[in-house]
Amino acid sequence: MMKDGVFLWILVASMILSGAGSTMTQKAQQLQIVAPCQGCAAESFNHSYMQTFFMFMGELMCIFVWLVIQFVNKQRKVEAPPLKEGKRYYK
């Protein structure tokens, strides 16, 4: 079992890296200028619905990972950690 401190630092680092990656990806999309066809004028990327879709899919993947972890823990009959003061787990 991983210590809480190590897990917390891994969580913080992954959130910072994924947030920075998301920001850089969106900036790169906004900087794209492409001609839609040969001889057409170049247009900038202006499809905010696609960016929103990709962000939603990223959040959805997080839910799937959580569900897999919950399923594996249930199959292994792993006990939920004891409640700490100030934390509530809802089932």
Protein backbone atom coordinates (compact mmCIF):
# COMPACT_ATOMS: atom_id res chain seq x y z
CA MET A 1 0.00 0.00 0.00
CA MET A 2 1.33 3.39 -0.99
CA LYS A 3 1.83 5.96 1.74
CA ASP A 4 -0.63 8.85 1.70
CA GLY A 5 2.13 11.45 1.25
CA VAL A 6 3.58 9.77 -1.84
CA PHE A 7 0.12 9.31 -3.34
CA LEU A 8 -0.68 12.97 -2.71
CA TRP A 9 2.50 14.14 -4.47
CA ILE A 10 1.80 11.85 -7.43
CA LEU A 11 -1.73 13.26 -7.62
CA VAL A 12 -0.51 16.86 -7.47
CA ALA A 13 2.17 16.27 -10.10
CA SER A 14 -0.25 14.53 -12.46
CA MET A 15 -2.80 17.33 -12.10
CA ILE A 16 -0.16 19.98 -12.85
CA LEU A 17 1.18 18.04 -15.85
CA SER A 18 -2.26 17.31 -17.29
CA GLY A 19 -3.38 20.92 -16.77
CA ALA A 20 -0.25 22.28 -18.46
CA GLY A 21 -0.64 19.79 -21.30
CA SER A 22 -4.27 20.76 -21.79
CA THR A 23 -3.40 24.46 -21.86
CA MET A 24 -0.58 23.97 -24.37
CA THR A 25 -2.78 21.77 -26.58
CA GLN A 26 -5.54 24.36 -26.65
CA LYS A 27 -3.04 27.13 -27.41
CA ALA A 28 -1.56 25.05 -30.24
CA GLN A 29 -5.05 24.52 -31.67
CA GLN A 30 -5.78 28.25 -31.54
CA LEU A 31 -2.53 29.03 -33.38
CA GLN A 32 -3.31 26.72 -36.32
CA ILE A 33 -3.95 28.53 -39.60
CA VAL A 34 -4.88 26.24 -42.48
CA ALA A 35 -6.32 26.70 -45.95
CA PRO A 36 -9.45 24.49 -46.16
CA CYS A 37 -8.89 23.81 -49.86
CA GLN A 38 -6.31 24.48 -52.51
CA GLY A 39 -6.48 28.13 -53.54
CA CYS A 40 -8.72 29.09 -50.58
CA ALA A 41 -7.80 31.75 -48.06
CA ALA A 42 -6.21 30.48 -44.87
CA GLU A 43 -8.45 30.38 -41.81
CA SER A 44 -7.62 30.10 -38.14
CA PHE A 45 -8.89 27.25 -35.98
CA ASN A 46 -12.18 28.40 -34.46
CA HIS A 47 -13.93 25.26 -33.27
CA SER A 48 -14.49 25.75 -29.58
CA TYR A 49 -16.99 22.87 -29.57
CA MET A 50 -14.15 20.47 -30.44
CA GLN A 51 -12.01 21.78 -27.59
CA THR A 52 -14.95 21.38 -25.22
CA PHE A 53 -15.52 17.84 -26.54
CA PHE A 54 -11.87 16.87 -25.95
CA MET A 55 -11.97 18.29 -22.41
CA PHE A 56 -15.17 16.36 -21.71
CA MET A 57 -13.63 13.15 -23.03
CA GLY A 58 -10.61 13.68 -20.76
CA GLU A 59 -12.87 14.03 -17.74
CA LEU A 60 -14.85 10.98 -18.83
CA MET A 61 -11.65 8.92 -19.00
CA CYS A 62 -10.94 9.89 -15.38
CA ILE A 63 -14.32 8.48 -14.37
CA PHE A 64 -13.60 5.23 -16.24
CA VAL A 65 -10.25 4.87 -14.46
CA TRP A 66 -11.97 5.43 -11.11
CA LEU A 67 -14.62 2.82 -11.97
CA VAL A 68 -11.94 0.27 -12.91
CA ILE A 69 -10.12 0.91 -9.63
CA GLN A 70 -13.36 0.47 -7.69
CA PHE A 71 -14.14 -2.76 -9.57
CA VAL A 72 -10.66 -4.20 -8.96
CA ASN A 73 -10.82 -3.30 -5.26
CA LYS A 74 -14.23 -4.95 -4.97
CA GLN A 75 -12.98 -8.12 -6.71
CA ARG A 76 -9.95 -8.28 -4.42
CA LYS A 77 -12.20 -7.58 -1.43
CA VAL A 78 -10.06 -4.62 -0.39
CA GLU A 79 -11.48 -2.88 2.64
CA ALA A 80 -12.18 0.83 2.36
CA PRO A 81 -9.76 2.88 4.44
CA PRO A 82 -11.11 3.92 7.83
CA LEU A 83 -12.78 7.30 7.93
CA LYS A 84 -10.65 10.19 9.07
CA GLU A 85 -12.01 13.13 10.93
CA GLY A 86 -13.56 15.62 8.54
CA LYS A 87 -13.88 13.19 5.62
CA ARG A 88 -17.07 11.49 4.52
CA TYR A 89 -17.38 8.66 2.02
CA TYR A 90 -20.75 8.27 0.33
CA LYS A 91 -21.84 4.98 -1.18
